Amino acid sequence: MNVTIRVAAESDAVPLATLSTQLGYPASSEVMRERLRYKPDPNRALFVAESGNEVVGCLEVAVMFAWETGEWAEIRGLVVLDSARSLGIGGKLVAHAKEWAHGRGHTKLRVRTNEVRTRTHEFYERLGFMKTKSQRVYDISLGV
């Protein structure tokens, strides 16, 4: 499958809403269009994988910062259409994220994945990622 990786555009709102929903985060195309209009930030990027004229996957990568460890690059989300899985698209998106991070001087790329996504764990391990820790995430509603 011939795949091109490019920066997401507002015109990708419909397929990105589909991908977000497939990942478990339902979003309408209107909401996705709004998110794509969010102020540009040189420390993050949303890439899409396109085959022909169809968006078949996406990956968000961002520069993160913590006072105790400094900066690192992190994959914030990756999803490939169910119908396009196991064709190397996810690997191409990750390779693009690695280039993006390396081009900004980062020596490490991190990804976090839900404990229940065992296929995802295997995917990242095949690409050379190593598990470095487990953690729990807690949220609280602020009533806003």
C-alpha atoms as a PDB file:
ATOM      1  CA  MET A   1       0.000   0.000   0.000  1.00  0.00           C
ATOM      2  CA  ASN A   2       1.400   3.380  -1.022  1.00  0.00           C
ATOM      3  CA  VAL A   3       1.139   5.710   1.977  1.00  0.00           C
ATOM      4  CA  THR A   4       2.012   9.381   2.318  1.00  0.00           C
ATOM      5  CA  ILE A   5       2.519  11.039   5.711  1.00  0.00           C
ATOM      6  CA  ARG A   6       1.580  14.713   5.966  1.00  0.00           C
ATOM      7  CA  VAL A   7       0.473  17.306   8.508  1.00  0.00           C
ATOM      8  CA  ALA A   8      -3.258  17.146   9.232  1.00  0.00           C
ATOM      9  CA  ALA A   9      -5.459  19.863   7.777  1.00  0.00           C
ATOM     10  CA  GLU A  10      -8.892  21.186   8.693  1.00  0.00           C
ATOM     11  CA  SER A  11     -10.250  19.286   5.680  1.00  0.00           C
ATOM     12  CA  ASP A  12      -9.331  16.036   7.512  1.00  0.00           C
ATOM     13  CA  ALA A  13     -11.975  16.623  10.208  1.00  0.00           C
ATOM     14  CA  VAL A  14     -14.342  13.855   9.064  1.00  0.00           C
ATOM     15  CA  PRO A  15     -11.780  11.017   8.847  1.00  0.00           C
ATOM     16  CA  LEU A  16     -10.067  12.200  12.046  1.00  0.00           C
ATOM     17  CA  ALA A  17     -13.413  12.107  13.880  1.00  0.00           C
ATOM     18  CA  THR A  18     -13.855   8.535  12.638  1.00  0.00           C
ATOM     19  CA  LEU A  19     -10.360   7.574  13.806  1.00  0.00           C
ATOM     20  CA  SER A  20     -10.844   9.235  17.203  1.00  0.00           C
ATOM     21  CA  THR A  21     -14.119   7.378  17.672  1.00  0.00           C
ATOM     22  CA  GLN A  22     -12.480   4.082  16.667  1.00  0.00           C
ATOM     23  CA  LEU A  23      -9.821   4.715  19.321  1.00  0.00           C
ATOM     24  CA  GLY A  24     -12.544   5.107  21.949  1.00  0.00           C
ATOM     25  CA  TYR A  25     -12.816   8.901  22.047  1.00  0.00           C
ATOM     26  CA  PRO A  26     -16.036   9.766  20.183  1.00  0.00           C
ATOM     27  CA  ALA A  27     -15.926  13.096  18.369  1.00  0.00           C
ATOM     28  CA  SER A  28     -18.121  14.672  15.730  1.00  0.00           C
ATOM     29  CA  SER A  29     -16.587  16.160  12.609  1.00  0.00           C
ATOM     30  CA  GLU A  30     -17.629  19.623  13.871  1.00  0.00           C
ATOM     31  CA  VAL A  31     -15.776  19.124  17.150  1.00  0.00           C
ATOM     32  CA  MET A  32     -12.758  17.772  15.290  1.00  0.00           C
ATOM     33  CA  ARG A  33     -12.783  20.770  12.928  1.00  0.00           C
ATOM     34  CA  GLU A  34     -12.723  23.064  15.989  1.00  0.00           C
ATOM     35  CA  ARG A  35      -9.793  21.139  17.445  1.00  0.00           C
ATOM     36  CA  LEU A  36      -7.904  21.399  14.162  1.00  0.00           C
ATOM     37  CA  ARG A  37      -8.357  25.194  14.270  1.00  0.00           C
ATOM     38  CA  TYR A  38      -6.707  25.334  17.713  1.00  0.00           C
ATOM     39  CA  LYS A  39      -3.732  27.685  17.761  1.00  0.00           C
ATOM     40  CA  PRO A  40      -0.688  26.283  15.956  1.00  0.00           C
ATOM     41  CA  ASP A  41       2.021  25.087  18.327  1.00  0.00           C
ATOM     42  CA  PRO A  42       5.551  24.333  17.099  1.00  0.00           C
ATOM     43  CA  ASN A  43       5.918  21.855  19.979  1.00  0.00           C
ATOM     44  CA  ARG A  44       3.247  19.476  18.697  1.00  0.00           C
ATOM     45  CA  ALA A  45       2.120  18.001  15.413  1.00  0.00           C
ATOM     46  CA  LEU A  46      -0.726  15.894  14.116  1.00  0.00           C
ATOM     47  CA  PHE A  47       0.223  13.749  11.139  1.00  0.00           C
ATOM     48  CA  VAL A  48      -2.090  11.742   8.915  1.00  0.00           C
ATOM     49  CA  ALA A  49      -1.308   8.716   6.798  1.00  0.00           C
ATOM     50  CA  GLU A  50      -2.998   8.937   3.432  1.00  0.00           C
ATOM     51  CA  SER A  51      -3.451   6.176   0.872  1.00  0.00           C
ATOM     52  CA  GLY A  52      -4.877   7.419  -2.401  1.00  0.00           C
ATOM     53  CA  ASN A  53      -7.258  10.119  -1.242  1.00  0.00           C
ATOM     54  CA  GLU A  54      -8.204   8.359   2.004  1.00  0.00           C
ATOM     55  CA  VAL A  55      -6.878   9.149   5.477  1.00  0.00           C
ATOM     56  CA  VAL A  56      -6.105   5.726   6.952  1.00  0.00           C
ATOM     57  CA  GLY A  57      -4.311   6.704  10.166  1.00  0.00           C
ATOM     58  CA  CYS A  58      -3.046   9.520  12.340  1.00  0.00           C
ATOM     59  CA  LEU A  59      -0.455  10.215  15.007  1.00  0.00           C
ATOM     60  CA  GLU A  60      -0.038  13.135  17.395  1.00  0.00           C
ATOM     61  CA  VAL A  61       3.421  13.874  18.761  1.00  0.00           C
ATOM     62  CA  ALA A  62       4.352  16.607  21.234  1.00  0.00           C
ATOM     63  CA  VAL A  63       7.243  17.996  23.203  1.00  0.00           C
ATOM     64  CA  MET A  64       6.554  17.451  26.887  1.00  0.00           C
ATOM     65  CA  PHE A  65       8.244  19.075  29.879  1.00  0.00           C
ATOM     66  CA  ALA A  66       8.612  18.287  33.560  1.00  0.00           C
ATOM     67  CA  TRP A  67      10.796  20.319  35.887  1.00  0.00           C
ATOM     68  CA  GLU A  68      12.439  17.191  37.283  1.00  0.00           C
ATOM     69  CA  THR A  69      13.375  15.626  33.926  1.00  0.00           C
ATOM     70  CA  GLY A  70      13.318  18.408  31.334  1.00  0.00           C
ATOM     71  CA  GLU A  71      11.964  17.922  27.812  1.00  0.00           C
ATOM     72  CA  TRP A  72      11.165  14.795  25.822  1.00  0.00           C
ATOM     73  CA  ALA A  73       9.041  13.933  22.804  1.00  0.00           C
ATOM     74  CA  GLU A  74       5.930  11.826  23.269  1.00  0.00           C
ATOM     75  CA  ILE A  75       3.443  10.126  20.991  1.00  0.00           C
ATOM     76  CA  ARG A  76       0.110  11.339  22.351  1.00  0.00           C
ATOM     77  CA  GLY A  77      -2.086   9.222  20.123  1.00  0.00           C
ATOM     78  CA  LEU A  78      -1.849   6.783  17.221  1.00  0.00           C
ATOM     79  CA  VAL A  79      -4.669   5.049  15.383  1.00  0.00           C
ATOM     80  CA  VAL A  80      -4.982   3.236  12.064  1.00  0.00           C
ATOM     81  CA  LEU A  81      -8.302   2.336  10.467  1.00  0.00           C
ATOM     82  CA  ASP A  82      -9.301  -1.223  11.316  1.00  0.00           C
ATOM     83  CA  SER A  83      -9.466  -1.995   7.589  1.00  0.00           C
ATOM     84  CA  ALA A  84      -5.857  -0.812   7.097  1.00  0.00           C
ATOM     85  CA  ARG A  85      -4.184  -2.527  10.067  1.00  0.00           C
ATOM     86  CA  SER A  86      -1.112  -4.759   9.729  1.00  0.00           C
ATOM     87  CA  LEU A  87      -0.019  -3.019   6.521  1.00  0.00           C
ATOM     88  CA  GLY A  88       2.885  -1.062   8.043  1.00  0.00           C
ATOM     89  CA  ILE A  89       1.015   2.232   8.360  1.00  0.00           C
ATOM     90  CA  GLY A  90       1.474   2.552  12.130  1.00  0.00           C
ATOM     91  CA  GLY A  91       5.196   1.891  11.749  1.00  0.00           C
ATOM     92  CA  LYS A  92       5.467   4.602   9.089  1.00  0.00           C
ATOM     93  CA  LEU A  93       3.680   7.079  11.346  1.00  0.00           C
ATOM     94  CA  VAL A  94       5.991   6.225  14.262  1.00  0.00           C
ATOM     95  CA  ALA A  95       9.056   6.588  12.002  1.00  0.00           C
ATOM     96  CA  HIS A  96       7.792  10.041  11.022  1.00  0.00           C
ATOM     97  CA  ALA A  97       7.340  10.966  14.698  1.00  0.00           C
ATOM     98  CA  LYS A  98      10.896   9.804  15.420  1.00  0.00           C
ATOM     99  CA  GLU A  99      12.224  12.046  12.636  1.00  0.00           C
ATOM    100  CA  TRP A 100      10.149  14.965  13.926  1.00  0.00           C
ATOM    101  CA  ALA A 101      11.472  14.497  17.480  1.00  0.00           C
ATOM    102  CA  HIS A 102      15.071  13.969  16.380  1.00  0.00           C
ATOM    103  CA  GLY A 103      14.868  17.095  14.227  1.00  0.00           C
ATOM    104  CA  ARG A 104      14.051  19.051  17.374  1.00  0.00           C
ATOM    105  CA  GLY A 105      17.055  17.685  19.225  1.00  0.00           C
ATOM    106  CA  HIS A 106      15.307  15.032  21.303  1.00  0.00           C
ATOM    107  CA  THR A 107      17.081  11.779  22.068  1.00  0.00           C
ATOM    108  CA  LYS A 108      14.039   9.936  23.425  1.00  0.00           C
ATOM    109  CA  LEU A 109      10.514   9.287  22.177  1.00  0.00           C
ATOM    110  CA  ARG A 110       7.983   8.063  24.724  1.00  0.00           C
ATOM    111  CA  VAL A 111       4.536   6.582  24.306  1.00  0.00           C
ATOM    112  CA  ARG A 112       1.920   5.728  26.914  1.00  0.00           C
ATOM    113  CA  THR A 113      -0.678   3.076  26.275  1.00  0.00           C
ATOM    114  CA  ASN A 114      -3.625   1.722  28.206  1.00  0.00           C
ATOM    115  CA  GLU A 115      -2.904  -1.503  30.092  1.00  0.00           C
ATOM    116  CA  VAL A 116      -5.748  -3.305  28.293  1.00  0.00           C
ATOM    117  CA  ARG A 117      -4.344  -2.637  24.792  1.00  0.00           C
ATOM    118  CA  THR A 118      -2.078  -5.685  24.634  1.00  0.00           C
ATOM    119  CA  ARG A 119      -1.825  -5.649  20.817  1.00  0.00           C
ATOM    120  CA  THR A 120      -0.621  -2.071  21.069  1.00  0.00           C
ATOM    121  CA  HIS A 121       2.059  -3.048  23.599  1.00  0.00           C
ATOM    122  CA  GLU A 122       3.319  -5.739  21.212  1.00  0.00           C
ATOM    123  CA  PHE A 123       3.320  -3.250  18.313  1.00  0.00           C
ATOM    124  CA  TYR A 124       5.518  -0.750  20.160  1.00  0.00           C
ATOM    125  CA  GLU A 125       7.854  -3.464  21.430  1.00  0.00           C
ATOM    126  CA  ARG A 126       8.320  -4.721  17.836  1.00  0.00           C
ATOM    127  CA  LEU A 127       9.360  -1.169  16.936  1.00  0.00           C
ATOM    128  CA  GLY A 128      12.023  -1.164  19.669  1.00  0.00           C
ATOM    129  CA  PHE A 129      10.202   0.659  22.468  1.00  0.00           C
ATOM    130  CA  MET A 130      10.915  -0.685  25.949  1.00  0.00           C
ATOM    131  CA  LYS A 131       8.509  -0.609  28.887  1.00  0.00           C
ATOM    132  CA  THR A 132       9.979   1.677  31.524  1.00  0.00           C
ATOM    133  CA  LYS A 133       7.155   1.921  34.071  1.00  0.00           C
ATOM    134  CA  SER A 134       3.474   1.406  34.840  1.00  0.00           C
ATOM    135  CA  GLN A 135       1.251   4.024  36.372  1.00  0.00           C
ATOM    136  CA  ARG A 136      -2.345   4.877  37.177  1.00  0.00           C
ATOM    137  CA  VAL A 137      -4.111   7.998  35.971  1.00  0.00           C
ATOM    138  CA  TYR A 138      -6.661   9.786  38.151  1.00  0.00           C
ATOM    139  CA  ASP A 139      -9.069  12.540  37.078  1.00  0.00           C
ATOM    140  CA  ILE A 140     -11.384  14.781  39.045  1.00  0.00           C
ATOM    141  CA  SER A 141     -14.238  16.812  37.609  1.00  0.00           C
ATOM    142  CA  LEU A 142     -13.862  20.536  38.160  1.00  0.00           C
ATOM    143  CA  GLY A 143     -17.553  21.155  37.557  1.00  0.00           C
ATOM    144  CA  VAL A 144     -16.911  23.662  34.788  1.00  0.00           C
END
